[in-house]
Amino acid sequence: MDIKEIFGRNLRTYRMKRDLSQGALAAKMGVDRAHVSAMERGQQNVTIVTLWHVALALDVKPAELLNDEEET
């Protein structure tokens, strides 16, 4: 699996666990909802700074967003 897809899958998983809409997460990060959507679909090549902002907004460690092991 591509790292962008792994990141997107994990982003969506943690966002949903926190019961946040894409719009709510985008507001916490100060970005557009479409940007969150593109990240979740693996269509956005995020920077390390964006990775950090996503992790802060979701209250997870950045490494958790890059973990390629599926949760059970």
N, C-alpha and C. Protein backbone atom coordinates (compact mmCIF):
# COMPACT_ATOMS: atom_id res chain seq x y z
N MET A 1 0.85 -1.18 0.00
CA MET A 1 0.00 0.00 0.00
C MET A 1 0.89 1.24 0.00
N ASP A 2 0.48 2.26 -0.71
CA ASP A 2 1.18 3.53 -0.81
C ASP A 2 1.10 4.28 0.52
N ILE A 3 2.17 4.99 0.89
CA ILE A 3 2.20 5.71 2.17
C ILE A 3 1.09 6.75 2.26
N LYS A 4 0.72 7.37 1.14
CA LYS A 4 -0.37 8.34 1.16
C LYS A 4 -1.69 7.66 1.48
N GLU A 5 -1.87 6.44 0.99
CA GLU A 5 -3.09 5.68 1.28
C GLU A 5 -3.11 5.23 2.74
N ILE A 6 -1.96 4.83 3.25
CA ILE A 6 -1.85 4.42 4.65
C ILE A 6 -2.21 5.61 5.55
N PHE A 7 -1.60 6.75 5.26
CA PHE A 7 -1.87 7.97 6.03
C PHE A 7 -3.36 8.32 5.95
N GLY A 8 -3.92 8.28 4.76
CA GLY A 8 -5.33 8.61 4.58
C GLY A 8 -6.26 7.68 5.33
N ARG A 9 -5.96 6.38 5.28
CA ARG A 9 -6.78 5.40 6.00
C ARG A 9 -6.72 5.68 7.50
N ASN A 10 -5.51 5.91 8.02
CA ASN A 10 -5.35 6.17 9.45
C ASN A 10 -6.00 7.49 9.86
N LEU A 11 -5.85 8.50 9.02
CA LEU A 11 -6.49 9.79 9.29
C LEU A 11 -7.99 9.60 9.44
N ARG A 12 -8.59 8.91 8.51
CA ARG A 12 -10.05 8.69 8.55
C ARG A 12 -10.43 7.88 9.79
N THR A 13 -9.67 6.84 10.10
CA THR A 13 -9.96 6.00 11.26
C THR A 13 -9.95 6.82 12.55
N TYR A 14 -8.89 7.59 12.76
CA TYR A 14 -8.80 8.39 13.99
C TYR A 14 -9.82 9.52 14.01
N ARG A 15 -10.11 10.10 12.86
CA ARG A 15 -11.13 11.15 12.80
C ARG A 15 -12.49 10.60 13.21
N MET A 16 -12.83 9.44 12.69
CA MET A 16 -14.13 8.84 13.01
C MET A 16 -14.19 8.39 14.47
N LYS A 17 -13.07 7.88 15.01
CA LYS A 17 -13.04 7.48 16.42
C LYS A 17 -13.32 8.67 17.33
N ARG A 18 -12.93 9.85 16.87
CA ARG A 18 -13.15 11.07 17.66
C ARG A 18 -14.46 11.75 17.29
N ASP A 19 -15.24 11.09 16.46
CA ASP A 19 -16.56 11.58 16.06
C ASP A 19 -16.48 12.99 15.47
N LEU A 20 -15.49 13.20 14.60
CA LEU A 20 -15.31 14.49 13.93
C LEU A 20 -15.68 14.35 12.46
N SER A 21 -16.38 15.33 11.95
CA SER A 21 -16.62 15.38 10.51
C SER A 21 -15.35 15.90 9.84
N GLN A 22 -15.28 15.75 8.53
CA GLN A 22 -14.15 16.33 7.81
C GLN A 22 -14.10 17.84 8.02
N GLY A 23 -15.25 18.46 8.02
CA GLY A 23 -15.32 19.90 8.22
C GLY A 23 -14.83 20.33 9.59
N ALA A 24 -15.20 19.55 10.61
CA ALA A 24 -14.77 19.88 11.98
C ALA A 24 -13.26 19.72 12.12
N LEU A 25 -12.71 18.65 11.54
CA LEU A 25 -11.26 18.46 11.59
C LEU A 25 -10.56 19.57 10.82
N ALA A 26 -11.10 19.92 9.67
CA ALA A 26 -10.51 20.99 8.86
C ALA A 26 -10.49 22.30 9.65
N ALA A 27 -11.57 22.59 10.36
CA ALA A 27 -11.63 23.81 11.17
C ALA A 27 -10.57 23.80 12.26
N LYS A 28 -10.37 22.65 12.91
CA LYS A 28 -9.35 22.54 13.96
C LYS A 28 -7.95 22.76 13.39
N MET A 29 -7.76 22.37 12.13
CA MET A 29 -6.45 22.48 11.50
C MET A 29 -6.25 23.81 10.77
N GLY A 30 -7.35 24.51 10.51
CA GLY A 30 -7.26 25.76 9.77
C GLY A 30 -7.09 25.56 8.27
N VAL A 31 -7.69 24.47 7.76
CA VAL A 31 -7.63 24.17 6.33
C VAL A 31 -9.04 23.96 5.80
N ASP A 32 -9.16 23.80 4.51
CA ASP A 32 -10.44 23.56 3.86
C ASP A 32 -10.85 22.09 4.01
N ARG A 33 -12.15 21.82 4.07
CA ARG A 33 -12.64 20.45 4.17
C ARG A 33 -12.17 19.60 2.99
N ALA A 34 -12.08 20.19 1.81
CA ALA A 34 -11.63 19.46 0.63
C ALA A 34 -10.20 18.96 0.79
N HIS A 35 -9.40 19.69 1.54
CA HIS A 35 -8.02 19.27 1.80
C HIS A 35 -8.01 18.00 2.65
N VAL A 36 -8.85 17.96 3.67
CA VAL A 36 -8.97 16.76 4.52
C VAL A 36 -9.46 15.59 3.68
N SER A 37 -10.43 15.83 2.84
CA SER A 37 -10.97 14.79 1.97
C SER A 37 -9.89 14.22 1.06
N ALA A 38 -9.10 15.09 0.45
CA ALA A 38 -8.03 14.65 -0.45
C ALA A 38 -6.97 13.85 0.30
N MET A 39 -6.67 14.25 1.53
CA MET A 39 -5.70 13.50 2.33
C MET A 39 -6.24 12.10 2.62
N GLU A 40 -7.51 12.02 3.00
CA GLU A 40 -8.11 10.72 3.33
C GLU A 40 -8.14 9.79 2.12
N ARG A 41 -8.30 10.34 0.95
CA ARG A 41 -8.34 9.52 -0.27
C ARG A 41 -6.94 9.20 -0.81
N GLY A 42 -5.90 9.67 -0.13
CA GLY A 42 -4.54 9.40 -0.58
C GLY A 42 -4.14 10.20 -1.80
N GLN A 43 -4.82 11.29 -2.04
CA GLN A 43 -4.55 12.12 -3.21
C GLN A 43 -3.70 13.34 -2.88
N GLN A 44 -3.34 13.49 -1.63
CA GLN A 44 -2.59 14.66 -1.19
C GLN A 44 -1.24 14.20 -0.65
N ASN A 45 -0.18 14.77 -1.18
CA ASN A 45 1.16 14.47 -0.68
C ASN A 45 1.45 15.45 0.45
N VAL A 46 1.21 15.04 1.68
CA VAL A 46 1.28 15.96 2.82
C VAL A 46 2.72 16.21 3.24
N THR A 47 2.96 17.38 3.80
CA THR A 47 4.27 17.72 4.33
C THR A 47 4.36 17.22 5.77
N ILE A 48 5.55 17.24 6.30
CA ILE A 48 5.73 16.83 7.69
C ILE A 48 5.02 17.81 8.62
N VAL A 49 4.93 19.06 8.23
CA VAL A 49 4.21 20.06 9.03
C VAL A 49 2.72 19.73 9.05
N THR A 50 2.16 19.35 7.91
CA THR A 50 0.76 18.96 7.86
C THR A 50 0.52 17.72 8.70
N LEU A 51 1.43 16.76 8.62
CA LEU A 51 1.35 15.55 9.45
C LEU A 51 1.27 15.94 10.92
N TRP A 52 2.10 16.88 11.33
CA TRP A 52 2.12 17.35 12.72
C TRP A 52 0.78 17.99 13.09
N HIS A 53 0.24 18.84 12.20
CA HIS A 53 -1.03 19.50 12.49
C HIS A 53 -2.19 18.51 12.58
N VAL A 54 -2.19 17.50 11.73
CA VAL A 54 -3.22 16.46 11.80
C VAL A 54 -3.11 15.72 13.13
N ALA A 55 -1.89 15.34 13.50
CA ALA A 55 -1.68 14.62 14.76
C ALA A 55 -2.14 15.44 15.96
N LEU A 56 -1.82 16.73 15.97
CA LEU A 56 -2.27 17.59 17.07
C LEU A 56 -3.79 17.68 17.11
N ALA A 57 -4.40 17.85 15.96
CA ALA A 57 -5.86 17.99 15.90
C ALA A 57 -6.57 16.72 16.34
N LEU A 58 -5.94 15.56 16.08
CA LEU A 58 -6.57 14.28 16.45
C LEU A 58 -6.06 13.73 17.78
N ASP A 59 -5.09 14.43 18.39
CA ASP A 59 -4.50 14.01 19.66
C ASP A 59 -3.90 12.60 19.56
N VAL A 60 -3.10 12.41 18.52
CA VAL A 60 -2.36 11.15 18.34
C VAL A 60 -0.90 11.48 18.05
N LYS A 61 -0.05 10.49 18.19
CA LYS A 61 1.35 10.66 17.81
C LYS A 61 1.45 10.62 16.29
N PRO A 62 2.30 11.44 15.70
CA PRO A 62 2.44 11.42 14.24
C PRO A 62 2.70 10.02 13.68
N ALA A 63 3.49 9.23 14.39
CA ALA A 63 3.81 7.88 13.92
C ALA A 63 2.56 7.01 13.78
N GLU A 64 1.55 7.26 14.59
CA GLU A 64 0.32 6.48 14.51
C GLU A 64 -0.39 6.69 13.17
N LEU A 65 -0.19 7.85 12.57
CA LEU A 65 -0.82 8.14 11.28
C LEU A 65 -0.08 7.47 10.13
N LEU A 66 1.11 6.95 10.40
CA LEU A 66 1.90 6.29 9.36
C LEU A 66 1.99 4.78 9.57
N ASN A 67 1.35 4.27 10.59
CA ASN A 67 1.37 2.84 10.90
C ASN A 67 0.61 2.07 9.80
N ASP A 68 1.29 1.10 9.20
CA ASP A 68 0.64 0.36 8.09
C ASP A 68 -0.02 -0.93 8.53
N GLU A 69 -0.11 -1.15 9.83
CA GLU A 69 -0.80 -2.34 10.34
C GLU A 69 -2.28 -2.01 10.54
N GLU A 70 -3.13 -2.82 9.95
CA GLU A 70 -4.57 -2.63 10.09
C GLU A 70 -4.97 -2.90 11.54
N GLU A 71 -5.84 -2.04 12.07
CA GLU A 71 -6.36 -2.29 13.41
C GLU A 71 -7.39 -3.40 13.36
N THR A 72 -7.45 -4.20 14.42
CA THR A 72 -8.42 -5.29 14.48
C THR A 72 -9.54 -4.98 15.42
